[in-house]
PDB file of N, CA and C in Angstrom:
ATOM      1  N   UNK A   1      -4.047 -10.020   1.374  1.00  0.00           N
ATOM      2  CA  UNK A   1      -5.052  -9.160   2.508  1.00  0.00           C
ATOM      3  C   UNK A   1      -5.133  -7.816   1.484  1.00  0.00           C
ATOM      4  N   UNK A   2      -6.160  -7.306   1.146  1.00  0.00           N
ATOM      5  CA  UNK A   2      -6.556  -6.002   0.838  1.00  0.00           C
ATOM      6  C   UNK A   2      -6.525  -5.163   1.921  1.00  0.00           C
ATOM      7  N   UNK A   3      -5.422  -4.149   0.865  1.00  0.00           N
ATOM      8  CA  UNK A   3      -5.213  -2.540   1.618  1.00  0.00           C
ATOM      9  C   UNK A   3      -5.829  -2.378   2.341  1.00  0.00           C
ATOM     10  N   UNK A   4      -6.891  -2.000   2.660  1.00  0.00           N
ATOM     11  CA  UNK A   4      -8.160  -1.829   3.113  1.00  0.00           C
ATOM     12  C   UNK A   4      -8.268  -2.339   4.513  1.00  0.00           C
ATOM     13  N   UNK A   5      -7.679  -4.014   4.181  1.00  0.00           N
ATOM     14  CA  UNK A   5      -8.365  -4.637   5.478  1.00  0.00           C
ATOM     15  C   UNK A   5      -6.430  -4.776   6.332  1.00  0.00           C
ATOM     16  N   UNK A   6      -5.753  -4.148   5.579  1.00  0.00           N
ATOM     17  CA  UNK A   6      -4.317  -4.571   6.559  1.00  0.00           C
ATOM     18  C   UNK A   6      -4.126  -3.108   7.316  1.00  0.00           C
ATOM     19  N   UNK A   7      -4.778  -1.890   6.526  1.00  0.00           N
ATOM     20  CA  UNK A   7      -4.455  -0.754   7.406  1.00  0.00           C
ATOM     21  C   UNK A   7      -4.841  -0.826   8.860  1.00  0.00           C
ATOM     22  N   UNK A   8      -6.373  -1.513   9.280  1.00  0.00           N
ATOM     23  CA  UNK A   8      -6.142  -1.031  10.789  1.00  0.00           C
ATOM     24  C   UNK A   8      -5.514  -1.963  11.504  1.00  0.00           C
ATOM     25  N   UNK A   9      -4.850  -3.068  10.892  1.00  0.00           N
ATOM     26  CA  UNK A   9      -3.933  -3.873  11.617  1.00  0.00           C
ATOM     27  C   UNK A   9      -2.195  -2.972  11.757  1.00  0.00           C
ATOM     28  N   UNK A  10      -2.179  -2.505  10.909  1.00  0.00           N
ATOM     29  CA  UNK A  10      -1.151  -1.431  10.574  1.00  0.00           C
ATOM     30  C   UNK A  10      -1.044  -0.482  11.564  1.00  0.00           C
ATOM     31  N   UNK A  11      -2.265   0.525  12.019  1.00  0.00           N
ATOM     32  CA  UNK A  11      -1.784   1.136  12.951  1.00  0.00           C
ATOM     33  C   UNK A  11      -2.266   0.385  14.299  1.00  0.00           C
ATOM     34  N   UNK A  12      -2.742  -0.504  14.431  1.00  0.00           N
ATOM     35  CA  UNK A  12      -2.651  -1.095  15.494  1.00  0.00           C
ATOM     36  C   UNK A  12      -1.385  -1.637  15.553  1.00  0.00           C
ATOM     37  N   UNK A  13      -0.328  -2.180  15.275  1.00  0.00           N
ATOM     38  CA  UNK A  13       1.042  -2.151  15.047  1.00  0.00           C
ATOM     39  C   UNK A  13       1.566  -1.236  15.666  1.00  0.00           C
ATOM     40  N   UNK A  14       1.306   0.443  14.884  1.00  0.00           N
ATOM     41  CA  UNK A  14       2.272   1.581  15.270  1.00  0.00           C
ATOM     42  C   UNK A  14       1.771   1.833  16.718  1.00  0.00           C
ATOM     43  N   UNK A  15       0.606   1.806  16.914  1.00  0.00           N
ATOM     44  CA  UNK A  15       0.005   1.970  18.847  1.00  0.00           C
ATOM     45  C   UNK A  15       0.735   0.839  19.459  1.00  0.00           C
ATOM     46  N   UNK A  16       0.546  -0.387  19.158  1.00  0.00           N
ATOM     47  CA  UNK A  16       0.839  -1.235  20.248  1.00  0.00           C
ATOM     48  C   UNK A  16       2.872  -1.182  20.217  1.00  0.00           C
ATOM     49  N   UNK A  17       3.377  -0.707  19.198  1.00  0.00           N
ATOM     50  CA  UNK A  17       5.101  -0.706  19.142  1.00  0.00           C
ATOM     51  C   UNK A  17       4.887   0.567  19.766  1.00  0.00           C
ATOM     52  N   UNK A  18       4.311   1.800  19.746  1.00  0.00           N
ATOM     53  CA  UNK A  18       4.827   3.083  21.007  1.00  0.00           C
ATOM     54  C   UNK A  18       4.534   2.989  21.731  1.00  0.00           C
ATOM     55  N   UNK A  19       3.326   2.077  22.402  1.00  0.00           N
ATOM     56  CA  UNK A  19       3.107   1.637  24.097  1.00  0.00           C
ATOM     57  C   UNK A  19       4.086   0.910  24.634  1.00  0.00           C
ATOM     58  N   UNK A  20       4.625   0.145  23.622  1.00  0.00           N
ATOM     59  CA  UNK A  20       5.747  -0.871  24.432  1.00  0.00           C
ATOM     60  C   UNK A  20       7.282   0.140  24.708  1.00  0.00           C
ATOM     61  N   UNK A  21       6.954   1.320  23.805  1.00  0.00           N
ATOM     62  CA  UNK A  21       8.197   1.868  24.067  1.00  0.00           C
ATOM     63  C   UNK A  21       8.230   2.906  25.212  1.00  0.00           C
ATOM     64  N   UNK A  22       6.895   3.358  25.358  1.00  0.00           N
ATOM     65  CA  UNK A  22       6.681   3.741  26.686  1.00  0.00           C
ATOM     66  C   UNK A  22       7.134   3.236  28.124  1.00  0.00           C
ATOM     67  N   UNK A  23       7.175   2.234  28.246  1.00  0.00           N
ATOM     68  CA  UNK A  23       7.064   0.959  29.176  1.00  0.00           C
ATOM     69  C   UNK A  23       8.936   0.661  28.824  1.00  0.00           C
ATOM     70  N   UNK A  24       9.407   0.463  27.829  1.00  0.00           N
ATOM     71  CA  UNK A  24      10.712   0.289  27.615  1.00  0.00           C
ATOM     72  C   UNK A  24      11.830   0.935  28.039  1.00  0.00           C
ATOM     73  N   UNK A  25      11.227   1.825  27.544  1.00  0.00           N
ATOM     74  CA  UNK A  25      12.364   3.555  27.359  1.00  0.00           C
ATOM     75  C   UNK A  25      11.462   4.318  27.566  1.00  0.00           C
ATOM     76  N   UNK A  26      10.877   4.917  29.029  1.00  0.00           N
ATOM     77  CA  UNK A  26       9.980   5.970  29.133  1.00  0.00           C
ATOM     78  C   UNK A  26      10.628   7.460  29.682  1.00  0.00           C
ATOM     79  N   UNK A  27      11.846   7.363  29.754  1.00  0.00           N
ATOM     80  CA  UNK A  27      12.391   8.811  29.925  1.00  0.00           C
ATOM     81  C   UNK A  27      12.144   9.766  29.145  1.00  0.00           C
ATOM     82  N   UNK A  28      12.462   9.395  27.932  1.00  0.00           N
ATOM     83  CA  UNK A  28      12.104  10.630  26.675  1.00  0.00           C
ATOM     84  C   UNK A  28      10.726  11.116  26.965  1.00  0.00           C
ATOM     85  N   UNK A  29       9.769  10.239  27.253  1.00  0.00           N
ATOM     86  CA  UNK A  29       8.299  10.720  26.986  1.00  0.00           C
ATOM     87  C   UNK A  29       8.253  11.433  28.302  1.00  0.00           C
ATOM     88  N   UNK A  30       8.554  11.362  29.473  1.00  0.00           N
ATOM     89  CA  UNK A  30       8.197  11.972  30.475  1.00  0.00           C
ATOM     90  C   UNK A  30       8.817  13.325  30.377  1.00  0.00           C
ATOM     91  N   UNK A  31       9.863  14.066  29.515  1.00  0.00           N
ATOM     92  CA  UNK A  31      10.461  14.965  29.194  1.00  0.00           C
ATOM     93  C   UNK A  31       9.203  15.719  28.192  1.00  0.00           C
ATOM     94  N   UNK A  32       8.191  15.060  27.784  1.00  0.00           N
ATOM     95  CA  UNK A  32       7.265  15.595  26.850  1.00  0.00           C
ATOM     96  C   UNK A  32       6.060  16.103  28.010  1.00  0.00           C
ATOM     97  N   UNK A  33       5.950  15.307  28.724  1.00  0.00           N
ATOM     98  CA  UNK A  33       4.770  15.789  29.442  1.00  0.00           C
ATOM     99  C   UNK A  33       4.600  16.883  30.188  1.00  0.00           C
ATOM    100  N   UNK A  34       3.427  17.900  29.341  1.00  0.00           N
ATOM    101  CA  UNK A  34       2.980  19.418  29.700  1.00  0.00           C
ATOM    102  C   UNK A  34       3.203  19.369  31.469  1.00  0.00           C
ATOM    103  N   UNK A  35       3.811  20.294  32.065  1.00  0.00           N
ATOM    104  CA  UNK A  35       4.142  20.807  33.341  1.00  0.00           C
ATOM    105  C   UNK A  35       3.005  21.050  33.829  1.00  0.00           C
ATOM    106  N   UNK A  36       1.555  21.155  33.048  1.00  0.00           N
ATOM    107  CA  UNK A  36       0.478  21.939  33.728  1.00  0.00           C
ATOM    108  C   UNK A  36      -0.578  20.716  33.961  1.00  0.00           C
ATOM    109  N   UNK A  37       0.019  19.344  33.833  1.00  0.00           N
ATOM    110  CA  UNK A  37      -0.953  18.056  34.180  1.00  0.00           C
ATOM    111  C   UNK A  37      -0.291  17.923  35.352  1.00  0.00           C
ATOM    112  N   UNK A  38      -1.172  17.340  36.465  1.00  0.00           N
ATOM    113  CA  UNK A  38      -1.174  17.431  38.013  1.00  0.00           C
ATOM    114  C   UNK A  38      -0.150  15.938  37.752  1.00  0.00           C
ATOM    115  N   UNK A  39       0.508  15.386  38.823  1.00  0.00           N
ATOM    116  CA  UNK A  39       1.177  14.097  39.147  1.00  0.00           C
ATOM    117  C   UNK A  39       2.626  14.427  38.700  1.00  0.00           C
ATOM    118  N   UNK A  40       3.494  13.192  38.647  1.00  0.00           N
ATOM    119  CA  UNK A  40       4.224  12.931  38.185  1.00  0.00           C
ATOM    120  C   UNK A  40       4.165  12.603  36.873  1.00  0.00           C
ATOM    121  N   UNK A  41       5.372  12.672  36.051  1.00  0.00           N
ATOM    122  CA  UNK A  41       5.313  12.819  34.347  1.00  0.00           C
ATOM    123  C   UNK A  41       5.390  11.184  34.156  1.00  0.00           C
ATOM    124  N   UNK A  42       6.084  10.293  34.911  1.00  0.00           N
ATOM    125  CA  UNK A  42       6.261   9.138  34.546  1.00  0.00           C
ATOM    126  C   UNK A  42       4.789   8.502  34.607  1.00  0.00           C
ATOM    127  N   UNK A  43       3.744   8.827  35.229  1.00  0.00           N
ATOM    128  CA  UNK A  43       2.610   8.128  35.302  1.00  0.00           C
ATOM    129  C   UNK A  43       1.968   8.525  34.407  1.00  0.00           C
ATOM    130  N   UNK A  44       1.960   9.667  33.422  1.00  0.00           N
ATOM    131  CA  UNK A  44       1.857   9.922  32.258  1.00  0.00           C
ATOM    132  C   UNK A  44       2.076   9.130  31.484  1.00  0.00           C
ATOM    133  N   UNK A  45       3.246   9.079  31.616  1.00  0.00           N
ATOM    134  CA  UNK A  45       3.945   8.090  30.319  1.00  0.00           C
ATOM    135  C   UNK A  45       3.653   6.426  30.200  1.00  0.00           C
ATOM    136  N   UNK A  46       3.499   6.291  31.465  1.00  0.00           N
ATOM    137  CA  UNK A  46       2.772   4.694  31.919  1.00  0.00           C
ATOM    138  C   UNK A  46       1.303   4.626  31.290  1.00  0.00           C
ATOM    139  N   UNK A  47       0.406   5.654  31.895  1.00  0.00           N
ATOM    140  CA  UNK A  47      -0.614   5.503  31.429  1.00  0.00           C
ATOM    141  C   UNK A  47      -1.104   5.882  30.032  1.00  0.00           C
ATOM    142  N   UNK A  48      -0.200   6.695  29.389  1.00  0.00           N
ATOM    143  CA  UNK A  48      -0.559   6.868  27.822  1.00  0.00           C
ATOM    144  C   UNK A  48      -0.119   5.659  27.024  1.00  0.00           C
ATOM    145  N   UNK A  49       0.975   4.838  27.713  1.00  0.00           N
ATOM    146  CA  UNK A  49       1.404   3.887  26.964  1.00  0.00           C
ATOM    147  C   UNK A  49       0.540   2.716  27.124  1.00  0.00           C
ATOM    148  N   UNK A  50      -0.066   2.789  28.329  1.00  0.00           N
ATOM    149  CA  UNK A  50      -1.404   1.288  28.163  1.00  0.00           C
ATOM    150  C   UNK A  50      -2.440   1.887  27.595  1.00  0.00           C
ATOM    151  N   UNK A  51      -2.504   2.771  27.165  1.00  0.00           N
ATOM    152  CA  UNK A  51      -3.785   3.157  26.520  1.00  0.00           C
ATOM    153  C   UNK A  51      -3.578   3.097  24.881  1.00  0.00           C
ATOM    154  N   UNK A  52      -2.038   3.335  24.720  1.00  0.00           N
ATOM    155  CA  UNK A  52      -1.868   3.063  23.252  1.00  0.00           C
ATOM    156  C   UNK A  52      -2.049   1.277  22.931  1.00  0.00           C
ATOM    157  N   UNK A  53      -1.464   0.746  24.035  1.00  0.00           N
ATOM    158  CA  UNK A  53      -1.549  -0.477  24.147  1.00  0.00           C
ATOM    159  C   UNK A  53      -2.713  -1.099  24.151  1.00  0.00           C
ATOM    160  N   UNK A  54      -4.037  -0.776  24.784  1.00  0.00           N
ATOM    161  CA  UNK A  54      -5.626  -1.025  24.753  1.00  0.00           C
ATOM    162  C   UNK A  54      -6.212  -0.689  23.095  1.00  0.00           C
ATOM    163  N   UNK A  55      -5.504   0.383  22.943  1.00  0.00           N
ATOM    164  CA  UNK A  55      -6.298   0.903  21.545  1.00  0.00           C
ATOM    165  C   UNK A  55      -5.545   0.346  20.648  1.00  0.00           C
ATOM    166  N   UNK A  56      -4.435  -0.081  20.576  1.00  0.00           N
ATOM    167  CA  UNK A  56      -3.859  -1.304  19.635  1.00  0.00           C
ATOM    168  C   UNK A  56      -4.844  -2.476  19.463  1.00  0.00           C
ATOM    169  N   UNK A  57      -5.180  -3.076  20.735  1.00  0.00           N
ATOM    170  CA  UNK A  57      -5.761  -4.274  20.963  1.00  0.00           C
ATOM    171  C   UNK A  57      -7.487  -3.950  20.265  1.00  0.00           C
ATOM    172  N   UNK A  58      -8.158  -2.906  20.741  1.00  0.00           N
ATOM    173  CA  UNK A  58      -9.229  -2.712  19.955  1.00  0.00           C
ATOM    174  C   UNK A  58      -9.231  -2.208  18.622  1.00  0.00           C
ATOM    175  N   UNK A  59      -8.041  -1.823  17.825  1.00  0.00           N
ATOM    176  CA  UNK A  59      -7.976  -2.037  16.057  1.00  0.00           C
ATOM    177  C   UNK A  59      -8.095  -3.137  15.917  1.00  0.00           C
ATOM    178  N   UNK A  60      -7.628  -3.995  16.691  1.00  0.00           N
ATOM    179  CA  UNK A  60      -7.403  -5.635  15.971  1.00  0.00           C
ATOM    180  C   UNK A  60      -8.685  -6.073  15.796  1.00  0.00           C
ATOM    181  N   UNK A  61      -9.375  -6.142  16.496  1.00  0.00           N
ATOM    182  CA  UNK A  61     -10.795  -6.761  17.151  1.00  0.00           C
ATOM    183  C   UNK A  61     -11.963  -5.989  15.799  1.00  0.00           C
ATOM    184  N   UNK A  62     -12.623  -6.534  15.076  1.00  0.00           N
ATOM    185  CA  UNK A  62     -13.307  -5.998  14.067  1.00  0.00           C
ATOM    186  C   UNK A  62     -14.867  -5.490  14.947  1.00  0.00           C
ATOM    187  N   UNK A  63     -15.469  -6.269  15.575  1.00  0.00           N
ATOM    188  CA  UNK A  63     -16.270  -5.394  16.901  1.00  0.00           C
ATOM    189  C   UNK A  63     -15.554  -4.652  17.268  1.00  0.00           C
ATOM    190  N   UNK A  64     -15.019  -4.338  17.830  1.00  0.00           N
ATOM    191  CA  UNK A  64     -14.434  -3.101  18.346  1.00  0.00           C
ATOM    192  C   UNK A  64     -13.629  -1.824  17.461  1.00  0.00           C
ATOM    193  N   UNK A  65     -13.819  -2.147  16.059  1.00  0.00           N
ATOM    194  CA  UNK A  65     -12.494  -1.470  15.543  1.00  0.00           C
ATOM    195  C   UNK A  65     -13.134   0.170  15.223  1.00  0.00           C
ATOM    196  N   UNK A  66     -14.964   0.224  14.602  1.00  0.00           N
ATOM    197  CA  UNK A  66     -15.110   1.705  14.658  1.00  0.00           C
ATOM    198  C   UNK A  66     -14.921   2.706  15.609  1.00  0.00           C
ATOM    199  N   UNK A  67     -15.318   2.053  17.222  1.00  0.00           N
ATOM    200  CA  UNK A  67     -15.253   3.020  18.339  1.00  0.00           C
ATOM    201  C   UNK A  67     -13.759   3.298  18.477  1.00  0.00           C
ATOM    202  N   UNK A  68     -12.675   2.102  18.392  1.00  0.00           N
ATOM    203  CA  UNK A  68     -11.620   2.380  19.123  1.00  0.00           C
ATOM    204  C   UNK A  68     -10.521   3.290  18.135  1.00  0.00           C
ATOM    205  N   UNK A  69     -11.076   3.135  16.698  1.00  0.00           N
ATOM    206  CA  UNK A  69     -10.479   3.805  15.702  1.00  0.00           C
ATOM    207  C   UNK A  69     -10.850   5.704  15.713  1.00  0.00           C
ATOM    208  N   UNK A  70     -12.256   5.789  16.246  1.00  0.00           N
ATOM    209  CA  UNK A  70     -12.516   7.188  16.475  1.00  0.00           C
ATOM    210  C   UNK A  70     -11.679   7.643  17.341  1.00  0.00           C
ATOM    211  N   UNK A  71     -11.353   6.538  19.179  1.00  0.00           N
ATOM    212  CA  UNK A  71     -10.773   6.950  20.009  1.00  0.00           C
ATOM    213  C   UNK A  71      -9.202   7.261  19.511  1.00  0.00           C
ATOM    214  N   UNK A  72      -8.557   6.650  18.705  1.00  0.00           N
ATOM    215  CA  UNK A  72      -7.123   6.554  18.110  1.00  0.00           C
ATOM    216  C   UNK A  72      -6.696   8.366  17.712  1.00  0.00           C
ATOM    217  N   UNK A  73      -8.134   8.195  16.989  1.00  0.00           N
ATOM    218  CA  UNK A  73      -7.950   9.734  16.275  1.00  0.00           C
ATOM    219  C   UNK A  73      -8.067  10.694  17.735  1.00  0.00           C
ATOM    220  N   UNK A  74      -8.987  10.542  18.294  1.00  0.00           N
ATOM    221  CA  UNK A  74      -8.767  11.764  19.684  1.00  0.00           C
ATOM    222  C   UNK A  74      -7.538  11.536  20.553  1.00  0.00           C
ATOM    223  N   UNK A  75      -7.128  10.277  20.958  1.00  0.00           N
ATOM    224  CA  UNK A  75      -5.755  10.256  21.197  1.00  0.00           C
ATOM    225  C   UNK A  75      -4.637  10.889  20.326  1.00  0.00           C
ATOM    226  N   UNK A  76      -4.578  10.906  19.390  1.00  0.00           N
ATOM    227  CA  UNK A  76      -3.631  11.773  18.339  1.00  0.00           C
ATOM    228  C   UNK A  76      -3.760  13.312  18.656  1.00  0.00           C
ATOM    229  N   UNK A  77      -5.234  13.868  18.797  1.00  0.00           N
ATOM    230  CA  UNK A  77      -5.476  15.321  18.954  1.00  0.00           C
ATOM    231  C   UNK A  77      -4.761  15.430  20.398  1.00  0.00           C
ATOM    232  N   UNK A  78      -5.045  14.371  21.062  1.00  0.00           N
ATOM    233  CA  UNK A  78      -4.771  14.667  22.785  1.00  0.00           C
ATOM    234  C   UNK A  78      -3.338  14.855  23.235  1.00  0.00           C
ATOM    235  N   UNK A  79      -2.603  14.006  22.536  1.00  0.00           N
ATOM    236  CA  UNK A  79      -1.286  14.068  22.519  1.00  0.00           C
ATOM    237  C   UNK A  79       0.007  15.632  21.886  1.00  0.00           C
ATOM    238  N   UNK A  80      -1.142  15.654  21.004  1.00  0.00           N
ATOM    239  CA  UNK A  80      -0.488  17.183  20.139  1.00  0.00           C
ATOM    240  C   UNK A  80       0.320  17.951  21.301  1.00  0.00           C
ATOM    241  N   UNK A  81      -0.320  18.509  22.666  1.00  0.00           N
ATOM    242  CA  UNK A  81       0.511  19.380  23.402  1.00  0.00           C
ATOM    243  C   UNK A  81       1.922  18.883  23.889  1.00  0.00           C
ATOM    244  N   UNK A  82       1.840  17.163  23.703  1.00  0.00           N
ATOM    245  CA  UNK A  82       3.337  16.847  24.205  1.00  0.00           C
ATOM    246  C   UNK A  82       3.974  17.345  22.966  1.00  0.00           C
ATOM    247  N   UNK A  83       3.862  17.131  21.824  1.00  0.00           N
ATOM    248  CA  UNK A  83       4.116  17.260  20.795  1.00  0.00           C
ATOM    249  C   UNK A  83       5.064  18.789  20.264  1.00  0.00           C
ATOM    250  N   UNK A  84       3.995  19.740  20.822  1.00  0.00           N
ATOM    251  CA  UNK A  84       4.433  21.134  20.886  1.00  0.00           C
ATOM    252  C   UNK A  84       5.460  21.067  21.999  1.00  0.00           C
ATOM    253  N   UNK A  85       4.927  20.839  22.779  1.00  0.00           N
ATOM    254  CA  UNK A  85       6.431  21.028  24.101  1.00  0.00           C
ATOM    255  C   UNK A  85       7.714  20.705  23.843  1.00  0.00           C
ATOM    256  N   UNK A  86       7.575  19.145  23.074  1.00  0.00           N
ATOM    257  CA  UNK A  86       8.789  18.618  22.526  1.00  0.00           C
ATOM    258  C   UNK A  86       9.612  19.622  21.429  1.00  0.00           C
ATOM    259  N   UNK A  87       8.999  20.055  20.694  1.00  0.00           N
ATOM    260  CA  UNK A  87       9.250  21.095  19.694  1.00  0.00           C
ATOM    261  C   UNK A  87      10.013  22.168  20.014  1.00  0.00           C
ATOM    262  N   UNK A  88       8.824  22.739  21.270  1.00  0.00           N
ATOM    263  CA  UNK A  88       9.654  23.960  21.982  1.00  0.00           C
ATOM    264  C   UNK A  88      11.183  23.746  22.529  1.00  0.00           C
ATOM    265  N   UNK A  89      10.906  22.657  23.673  1.00  0.00           N
ATOM    266  CA  UNK A  89      12.023  22.448  24.681  1.00  0.00           C
ATOM    267  C   UNK A  89      13.035  22.008  23.729  1.00  0.00           C
ATOM    268  N   UNK A  90      13.166  21.467  22.099  1.00  0.00           N
ATOM    269  CA  UNK A  90      14.196  20.910  21.589  1.00  0.00           C
ATOM    270  C   UNK A  90      14.903  22.447  20.762  1.00  0.00           C
ATOM    271  N   UNK A  91      14.278  23.462  20.574  1.00  0.00           N
ATOM    272  CA  UNK A  91      14.254  24.241  19.200  1.00  0.00           C
ATOM    273  C   UNK A  91      15.905  24.866  19.490  1.00  0.00           C
ATOM    274  N   UNK A  92      16.774  24.484  20.952  1.00  0.00           N
ATOM    275  CA  UNK A  92      18.126  24.725  20.670  1.00  0.00           C
ATOM    276  C   UNK A  92      19.076  23.562  20.441  1.00  0.00           C
ATOM    277  N   UNK A  93      18.581  22.390  20.361  1.00  0.00           N
ATOM    278  CA  UNK A  93      19.317  21.053  20.287  1.00  0.00           C
ATOM    279  C   UNK A  93      20.037  21.214  18.616  1.00  0.00           C
ATOM    280  N   UNK A  94      20.868  20.181  18.651  1.00  0.00           N
ATOM    281  CA  UNK A  94      20.909  20.338  16.854  1.00  0.00           C
ATOM    282  C   UNK A  94      20.015  20.253  15.817  1.00  0.00           C
ATOM    283  N   UNK A  95      20.657  20.835  14.822  1.00  0.00           N
ATOM    284  CA  UNK A  95      19.399  20.830  13.683  1.00  0.00           C
ATOM    285  C   UNK A  95      18.361  19.255  13.374  1.00  0.00           C
ATOM    286  N   UNK A  96      19.420  18.111  12.994  1.00  0.00           N
ATOM    287  CA  UNK A  96      18.632  16.958  13.252  1.00  0.00           C
ATOM    288  C   UNK A  96      17.218  16.565  14.665  1.00  0.00           C
ATOM    289  N   UNK A  97      17.951  16.994  15.661  1.00  0.00           N
ATOM    290  CA  UNK A  97      17.031  16.878  16.648  1.00  0.00           C
ATOM    291  C   UNK A  97      15.867  17.392  16.010  1.00  0.00           C
ATOM    292  N   UNK A  98      16.518  18.869  16.216  1.00  0.00           N
ATOM    293  CA  UNK A  98      14.990  19.962  15.931  1.00  0.00           C
ATOM    294  C   UNK A  98      14.344  19.786  15.312  1.00  0.00           C
ATOM    295  N   UNK A  99      14.921  19.308  13.545  1.00  0.00           N
ATOM    296  CA  UNK A  99      13.692  18.861  12.620  1.00  0.00           C
ATOM    297  C   UNK A  99      12.915  17.967  13.169  1.00  0.00           C
ATOM    298  N   UNK A 100      13.286  16.979  13.499  1.00  0.00           N
ATOM    299  CA  UNK A 100      12.637  15.837  14.153  1.00  0.00           C
ATOM    300  C   UNK A 100      11.360  16.441  14.749  1.00  0.00           C
ATOM    301  N   UNK A 101      11.692  17.281  15.873  1.00  0.00           N
ATOM    302  CA  UNK A 101      10.687  17.705  16.767  1.00  0.00           C
ATOM    303  C   UNK A 101       9.548  18.315  16.070  1.00  0.00           C
ATOM    304  N   UNK A 102      10.125  19.306  15.184  1.00  0.00           N
ATOM    305  CA  UNK A 102       8.856  20.264  14.469  1.00  0.00           C
ATOM    306  C   UNK A 102       8.036  19.541  13.632  1.00  0.00           C
ATOM    307  N   UNK A 103       9.285  18.478  13.267  1.00  0.00           N
ATOM    308  CA  UNK A 103       8.238  17.400  11.794  1.00  0.00           C
ATOM    309  C   UNK A 103       6.908  16.603  12.210  1.00  0.00           C
ATOM    310  N   UNK A 104       7.369  16.293  13.801  1.00  0.00           N
ATOM    311  CA  UNK A 104       5.854  15.396  14.093  1.00  0.00           C
ATOM    312  C   UNK A 104       5.043  16.153  14.716  1.00  0.00           C
ATOM    313  N   UNK A 105       5.245  17.507  14.470  1.00  0.00           N
ATOM    314  CA  UNK A 105       3.717  18.545  14.373  1.00  0.00           C
ATOM    315  C   UNK A 105       2.780  18.024  13.116  1.00  0.00           C
ATOM    316  N   UNK A 106       3.105  18.424  12.277  1.00  0.00           N
ATOM    317  CA  UNK A 106       2.096  17.818  11.120  1.00  0.00           C
ATOM    318  C   UNK A 106       2.076  16.538  10.822  1.00  0.00           C
ATOM    319  N   UNK A 107       2.880  15.642  11.530  1.00  0.00           N
ATOM    320  CA  UNK A 107       2.392  14.053  11.018  1.00  0.00           C
ATOM    321  C   UNK A 107       0.923  13.643  11.943  1.00  0.00           C
ATOM    322  N   UNK A 108       0.848  14.408  13.000  1.00  0.00           N
ATOM    323  CA  UNK A 108      -0.365  14.515  13.656  1.00  0.00           C
ATOM    324  C   UNK A 108      -1.505  14.322  12.744  1.00  0.00           C
ATOM    325  N   UNK A 109      -1.607  14.941  11.932  1.00  0.00           N
ATOM    326  CA  UNK A 109      -2.686  15.316  10.818  1.00  0.00           C
ATOM    327  C   UNK A 109      -2.886  13.964  10.107  1.00  0.00           C
ATOM    328  N   UNK A 110      -1.759  13.502   9.140  1.00  0.00           N
ATOM    329  CA  UNK A 110      -2.445  12.209   8.528  1.00  0.00           C
ATOM    330  C   UNK A 110      -2.781  10.961   9.785  1.00  0.00           C
ATOM    331  N   UNK A 111      -2.023  10.965  10.599  1.00  0.00           N
ATOM    332  CA  UNK A 111      -2.543  10.171  11.979  1.00  0.00           C
ATOM    333  C   UNK A 111      -3.844   9.881  12.220  1.00  0.00           C
ATOM    334  N   UNK A 112      -4.122  11.360  12.234  1.00  0.00           N
ATOM    335  CA  UNK A 112      -5.696  11.544  12.848  1.00  0.00           C
ATOM    336  C   UNK A 112      -6.719  11.025  11.454  1.00  0.00           C
ATOM    337  N   UNK A 113      -6.174  11.192  10.352  1.00  0.00           N
ATOM    338  CA  UNK A 113      -6.834  11.241   8.976  1.00  0.00           C
ATOM    339  C   UNK A 113      -7.088   9.349   9.224  1.00  0.00           C
ATOM    340  N   UNK A 114      -5.954   9.083   9.085  1.00  0.00           N
ATOM    341  CA  UNK A 114      -5.725   7.488   9.178  1.00  0.00           C
ATOM    342  C   UNK A 114      -6.587   6.644   9.963  1.00  0.00           C
ATOM    343  N   UNK A 115      -6.880   7.037  11.478  1.00  0.00           N
ATOM    344  CA  UNK A 115      -8.054   6.757  12.273  1.00  0.00           C
ATOM    345  C   UNK A 115      -9.440   6.637  12.037  1.00  0.00           C
ATOM    346  N   UNK A 116      -9.572   8.165  11.259  1.00  0.00           N
ATOM    347  CA  UNK A 116     -10.863   8.207  11.284  1.00  0.00           C
ATOM    348  C   UNK A 116     -11.453   7.435   9.931  1.00  0.00           C
ATOM    349  N   UNK A 117     -10.509   7.174   8.889  1.00  0.00           N
ATOM    350  CA  UNK A 117     -10.636   6.290   7.747  1.00  0.00           C
ATOM    351  C   UNK A 117     -10.678   4.933   8.200  1.00  0.00           C
ATOM    352  N   UNK A 118     -10.321   4.244   9.588  1.00  0.00           N
ATOM    353  CA  UNK A 118     -10.343   3.149   9.464  1.00  0.00           C
ATOM    354  C   UNK A 118     -11.823   2.900  10.474  1.00  0.00           C
ATOM    355  N   UNK A 119     -12.239   4.262  11.250  1.00  0.00           N
ATOM    356  CA  UNK A 119     -13.696   4.166  12.117  1.00  0.00           C
ATOM    357  C   UNK A 119     -14.704   3.995  10.710  1.00  0.00           C
ATOM    358  N   UNK A 120     -14.318   4.924   9.512  1.00  0.00           N
ATOM    359  CA  UNK A 120     -15.080   4.630   8.117  1.00  0.00           C
ATOM    360  C   UNK A 120     -15.333   3.554   7.634  1.00  0.00           C
ATOM    361  N   UNK A 121     -14.139   2.526   7.553  1.00  0.00           N
ATOM    362  CA  UNK A 121     -14.454   1.332   6.499  1.00  0.00           C
ATOM    363  C   UNK A 121     -14.491   0.629   7.413  1.00  0.00           C
ATOM    364  N   UNK A 122     -14.571   0.430   9.223  1.00  0.00           N
ATOM    365  CA  UNK A 122     -15.089  -0.362   9.495  1.00  0.00           C
ATOM    366  C   UNK A 122     -16.945  -0.051   9.947  1.00  0.00           C
ATOM    367  N   UNK A 123     -17.500   1.263   9.612  1.00  0.00           N
ATOM    368  CA  UNK A 123     -18.356   1.644   9.862  1.00  0.00           C
ATOM    369  C   UNK A 123     -19.313   1.299   8.465  1.00  0.00           C
ATOM    370  N   UNK A 124     -18.520   1.072   7.296  1.00  0.00           N
ATOM    371  CA  UNK A 124     -19.485   0.585   6.193  1.00  0.00           C
ATOM    372  C   UNK A 124     -19.243  -1.001   5.993  1.00  0.00           C
ATOM    373  N   UNK A 125     -18.339  -1.706   6.832  1.00  0.00           N
ATOM    374  CA  UNK A 125     -18.572  -3.141   6.717  1.00  0.00           C
ATOM    375  C   UNK A 125     -19.187  -3.316   7.769  1.00  0.00           C
ATOM    376  N   UNK A 126     -19.549  -2.851   8.932  1.00  0.00           N
ATOM    377  CA  UNK A 126     -20.730  -2.741   9.817  1.00  0.00           C
ATOM    378  C   UNK A 126     -22.037  -3.246   9.344  1.00  0.00           C
TER     379      UNK A 126
END
């Protein structure tokens, strides 16, 4: 399978794995939920995990891939505040943990670009 055809499936796998972890181990995600959001953090953790699973499913299906890839790019932008909160909250943790939290911030850029690339490829095929 050519690389361009694997890319949406790899992105779908990443989203599915992330979604599953929101249910399997929700506590770390709960701590990243900004306090400004209404309701309980666990509700947001489960909602974002469910959304990640839905996005994964939409990325697999060629008919829904373009719109789902754009939604995935928007999702990556939308969860950025949680990554910022994690970096701020972890600023006094041991260096490896602090580095991981800070390292997540620029990682959002290639994730957004990857999702947009999947959308563009789907558009070109459609």
